[in-house]
Each structure stands twice: as structure tokens, then as C-alpha cells.
């Protein structure tokens, strides 16, 4: 691995198309269930239909607008996730990189999609209590105070009392969560050490 190179990560068009196809199939199945006329079928469709429709919309959005673009860039000076911020986050601003606990919304969606197994996940699936497909990059707020988060359908950036946590969703990317975390941690450790050694 050449740590002077810039690594670029995008969406996997194949995985996105598979998600769209499977989501559409599930919506059609729930649509036919509405014609069953039973109360159980109605409530099942009412419960699962909207989240799956939203999931389908998100993947269509990605396929149309982002499938051929660089989503995450990792280099000697820092990293950038264009879904979160347009500016580069310098390595000295990063305190630590770790697996993120799933949000309540992620737990709910993961519970709904559990019946579909791992087919709707670009990486091996986990249960609702697992860490899932999200990486938390904890940044020093004073180092990125001028960096403004952009609007995103899928990702959030939240602040704590001491650190600002950027949540990077890895599902659907061309690399796995484990590989992306390894790249981030390796670049962060190496280039932070280089800056400290040079006194910058």
C-alpha cells in the first residue's frame, strides 16, 4: 500500500441495481397482499410498505446521481466523504475512527429486512444489535468548525460534548466496511505520525 496515493471509493452499481430489483419485488408482493382483504395483510403492508418504498427511492437516487462518482477520497492530507461534507477533513482533526453503533432507524430497517436475509446488504449482514455498516469518525470540533455538512438522504453528522461524530455509511460501496476502516485508520495513523515527526 502506497500511503502517498489518493484512494477513491464509489458506489457499486451492481449492488444498487440488485437492491432496486429486490425492493421492487417486495413492494409488488405487498401490493398483492392488499388485495387479500384480510386485516393482517393490510397491517403488514402498512407497516413494511413505506420503509421499503423509501429504501427503493434512496437506491434510485444513488443509481441516477451518484453511481459513477467518487464518494469517498482518502489521501495524505485527509479524507472527504462528499455525502457529508465538500471540504477535506485533515488528519489532525480526527481523534479516532471506530465502528458506529446503529441508530434506532437503522435497527428498525434492519429488523424489517431481516426476512430478506443478506440479499439487500452489500456486505455480510448483522443482526439488529450489531454495529452494521457504519463507521464513526470522531473529529475535534475546533478543527472543523468551518466545515458545513451538506444535505444528505442517508447520512448524518452529530455533535457530542467533546467530539463531533461523522457517520460514514459503507453499505453499497465498492469496498467493505472492514477494508474502508482499515484504509482510514492506516492513513490516519501514518500521516498523523509524519506530521508529528516533522513538527507540523
Protein backbone atom coordinates (compact mmCIF):
# COMPACT_ATOMS: atom_id res chain seq x y z
CA UNK A 1 0.00 0.00 0.00
CA UNK A 2 1.44 3.37 -1.04
CA UNK A 3 0.29 5.84 1.60
CA UNK A 4 1.13 8.77 -0.64
CA UNK A 5 -1.61 7.76 -3.08
CA UNK A 6 -5.19 9.00 -3.05
CA UNK A 7 -7.70 6.17 -2.69
CA UNK A 8 -11.14 6.71 -4.23
CA UNK A 9 -14.26 4.75 -3.31
CA UNK A 10 -17.60 4.84 -5.10
CA UNK A 11 -20.91 3.01 -5.13
CA UNK A 12 -21.21 -0.49 -6.54
CA UNK A 13 -23.71 -0.18 -9.39
CA UNK A 14 -24.30 -3.93 -9.30
CA UNK A 15 -25.29 -3.91 -5.62
CA UNK A 16 -27.51 -0.87 -6.08
CA UNK A 17 -29.34 -2.46 -9.03
CA UNK A 18 -29.82 -5.66 -7.01
CA UNK A 19 -31.33 -3.66 -4.14
CA UNK A 20 -33.66 -1.83 -6.51
CA UNK A 21 -34.82 -5.09 -8.11
CA UNK A 22 -35.43 -6.83 -4.78
CA UNK A 23 -37.12 -3.80 -3.23
CA UNK A 24 -39.43 -3.52 -6.24
CA UNK A 25 -40.27 -7.20 -5.98
CA UNK A 26 -41.11 -6.89 -2.28
CA UNK A 27 -43.32 -3.84 -2.93
CA UNK A 28 -45.20 -5.77 -5.62
CA UNK A 29 -45.71 -8.68 -3.21
CA UNK A 30 -47.05 -6.35 -0.52
CA UNK A 31 -49.24 -4.69 -3.15
CA UNK A 32 -50.88 -8.01 -3.97
CA UNK A 33 -51.27 -8.66 -0.25
CA UNK A 34 -53.52 -5.60 -0.02
CA UNK A 35 -55.99 -7.35 -2.32
CA UNK A 36 -56.14 -10.29 0.07
CA UNK A 37 -58.76 -8.46 2.06
CA UNK A 38 -57.62 -9.69 5.47
CA UNK A 39 -56.76 -7.35 8.31
CA UNK A 40 -53.38 -8.99 8.87
CA UNK A 41 -52.33 -8.43 5.24
CA UNK A 42 -53.41 -4.80 5.43
CA UNK A 43 -51.42 -4.05 8.58
CA UNK A 44 -48.36 -5.94 7.27
CA UNK A 45 -48.41 -3.87 4.08
CA UNK A 46 -48.96 -0.67 6.06
CA UNK A 47 -46.05 -1.48 8.36
CA UNK A 48 -43.48 -2.66 5.82
CA UNK A 49 -44.53 -0.89 2.63
CA UNK A 50 -43.41 2.72 3.38
CA UNK A 51 -39.91 1.83 4.69
CA UNK A 52 -39.25 -0.40 1.70
CA UNK A 53 -40.57 2.29 -0.67
CA UNK A 54 -38.22 4.81 0.97
CA UNK A 55 -35.34 2.32 0.66
CA UNK A 56 -36.16 1.92 -3.04
CA UNK A 57 -36.24 5.70 -3.53
CA UNK A 58 -32.84 6.11 -1.83
CA UNK A 59 -31.25 3.50 -4.06
CA UNK A 60 -32.79 5.00 -7.20
CA UNK A 61 -31.38 8.37 -6.12
CA UNK A 62 -27.91 6.83 -5.73
CA UNK A 63 -28.10 5.00 -9.07
CA UNK A 64 -29.17 8.10 -11.00
CA UNK A 65 -26.99 10.75 -9.39
CA UNK A 66 -24.01 9.05 -7.73
CA UNK A 67 -23.26 5.66 -9.28
CA UNK A 68 -20.29 6.87 -11.38
CA UNK A 69 -18.88 9.42 -8.94
CA UNK A 70 -16.19 9.25 -6.27
CA UNK A 71 -17.96 9.17 -2.91
CA UNK A 72 -15.03 8.89 -0.50
CA UNK A 73 -11.47 10.06 -1.16
CA UNK A 74 -8.63 9.19 1.22
CA UNK A 75 -5.21 10.79 0.86
CA UNK A 76 -2.11 12.01 2.69
CA UNK A 77 -3.75 15.28 3.74
CA UNK A 78 -7.05 13.87 4.98
CA UNK A 79 -10.29 12.34 3.75
CA UNK A 80 -13.56 13.52 2.26
CA UNK A 81 -16.99 11.92 2.13
CA UNK A 82 -18.93 14.03 -0.34
CA UNK A 83 -22.22 12.82 1.16
CA UNK A 84 -21.29 14.59 4.39
CA UNK A 85 -19.01 17.49 3.51
CA UNK A 86 -17.50 19.02 0.41
CA UNK A 87 -14.31 20.04 2.23
CA UNK A 88 -11.38 17.80 3.08
CA UNK A 89 -11.19 16.72 6.72
CA UNK A 90 -7.48 16.93 7.69
CA UNK A 91 -6.00 14.03 9.65
CA UNK A 92 -5.01 16.19 12.67
CA UNK A 93 -8.72 16.99 13.10
CA UNK A 94 -9.54 13.28 13.52
CA UNK A 95 -9.37 11.98 17.09
CA UNK A 96 -10.34 8.38 16.41
CA UNK A 97 -12.05 6.08 13.91
CA UNK A 98 -14.28 3.27 15.15
CA UNK A 99 -17.34 1.18 14.42
CA UNK A 100 -20.54 3.09 15.00
CA UNK A 101 -23.48 1.80 16.98
CA UNK A 102 -26.59 1.60 14.78
CA UNK A 103 -29.20 4.30 15.14
CA UNK A 104 -32.81 3.50 16.04
CA UNK A 105 -33.84 3.98 12.40
CA UNK A 106 -31.13 1.56 11.25
CA UNK A 107 -32.30 -1.02 13.80
CA UNK A 108 -35.90 -0.73 12.60
CA UNK A 109 -34.94 -1.04 8.94
CA UNK A 110 -32.63 -3.96 9.69
CA UNK A 111 -35.43 -5.74 11.54
CA UNK A 112 -37.80 -5.28 8.60
CA UNK A 113 -35.25 -6.51 6.07
CA UNK A 114 -34.20 -9.46 8.23
CA UNK A 115 -36.69 -11.66 6.37
CA UNK A 116 -34.75 -10.99 3.18
CA UNK A 117 -31.51 -12.32 4.68
CA UNK A 118 -28.31 -10.71 3.40
CA UNK A 119 -29.60 -10.10 -0.13
CA UNK A 120 -30.24 -6.39 0.48
CA UNK A 121 -26.81 -5.79 2.01
CA UNK A 122 -23.61 -5.14 0.07
CA UNK A 123 -21.63 -6.53 2.99
CA UNK A 124 -22.37 -9.57 5.19
CA UNK A 125 -25.44 -8.78 7.25
CA UNK A 126 -25.62 -8.39 11.01
CA UNK A 127 -28.44 -8.59 13.50
CA UNK A 128 -30.22 -5.52 14.79
CA UNK A 129 -27.84 -5.18 17.74
CA UNK A 130 -24.68 -5.37 15.60
CA UNK A 131 -22.52 -2.49 14.51
CA UNK A 132 -23.91 -2.76 10.99
CA UNK A 133 -22.37 -0.90 8.06
CA UNK A 134 -21.48 2.44 9.66
CA UNK A 135 -18.08 3.89 10.60
CA UNK A 136 -17.84 6.70 13.14
CA UNK A 137 -15.10 9.28 12.57
CA UNK A 138 -14.78 11.36 15.74
CA UNK A 139 -13.37 14.83 15.00
CA UNK A 140 -12.22 17.68 17.18
CA UNK A 141 -14.92 20.36 16.75
CA UNK A 142 -12.45 23.26 16.87
CA UNK A 143 -10.55 21.76 13.91
CA UNK A 144 -13.58 21.51 11.61
CA UNK A 145 -15.70 24.41 12.82
CA UNK A 146 -15.79 25.95 9.32
CA UNK A 147 -16.82 22.70 7.65
CA UNK A 148 -20.55 22.69 6.98
CA UNK A 149 -22.38 19.36 6.50
CA UNK A 150 -24.29 19.06 3.23
CA UNK A 151 -27.85 17.77 2.95
CA UNK A 152 -27.95 14.01 2.61
CA UNK A 153 -30.72 11.46 2.34
CA UNK A 154 -28.69 8.78 4.04
CA UNK A 155 -26.08 10.13 6.41
CA UNK A 156 -25.92 12.29 9.49
CA UNK A 157 -23.24 14.20 11.38
CA UNK A 158 -23.92 14.69 15.06
CA UNK A 159 -22.04 16.52 17.80
CA UNK A 160 -21.15 15.38 21.29
CA UNK A 161 -19.84 17.49 24.16
CA UNK A 162 -16.22 16.85 23.22
CA UNK A 163 -16.09 15.42 19.71
CA UNK A 164 -18.11 15.74 16.55
CA UNK A 165 -19.06 12.37 15.13
CA UNK A 166 -19.29 11.90 11.37
CA UNK A 167 -21.14 8.72 10.47
CA UNK A 168 -19.96 7.10 7.23
CA UNK A 169 -22.39 4.59 5.75
CA UNK A 170 -20.46 1.86 3.90
CA UNK A 171 -23.33 -0.24 2.59
CA UNK A 172 -23.39 -0.37 -1.21
CA UNK A 173 -19.81 0.84 -1.71
CA UNK A 174 -17.19 -0.90 -3.84
CA UNK A 175 -15.22 -1.83 -0.69
CA UNK A 176 -16.33 -3.48 2.52
CA UNK A 177 -16.70 -1.68 5.82
CA UNK A 178 -13.67 -3.53 7.18
CA UNK A 179 -11.48 -2.52 4.23
CA UNK A 180 -12.61 1.11 4.36
CA UNK A 181 -11.99 1.31 8.10
CA UNK A 182 -8.54 -0.21 7.60
CA UNK A 183 -7.71 2.42 4.96
CA UNK A 184 -8.93 5.28 7.14
CA UNK A 185 -7.10 4.07 10.24
CA UNK A 186 -3.86 3.32 8.35
CA UNK A 187 -3.75 6.70 6.62
CA UNK A 188 -4.73 8.48 9.84
CA UNK A 189 -2.04 6.78 11.94
CA UNK A 190 0.71 7.12 9.34
CA UNK A 191 0.17 10.73 8.32
CA UNK A 192 -0.51 11.94 11.87
CA UNK A 193 2.81 10.37 12.88
CA UNK A 194 4.53 12.01 9.91
CA UNK A 195 3.18 15.43 10.86
CA UNK A 196 4.26 14.95 14.49
CA UNK A 197 7.74 13.83 13.44
CA UNK A 198 8.19 16.87 11.19
CA UNK A 199 6.77 19.18 13.83
CA UNK A 200 3.96 20.46 11.63
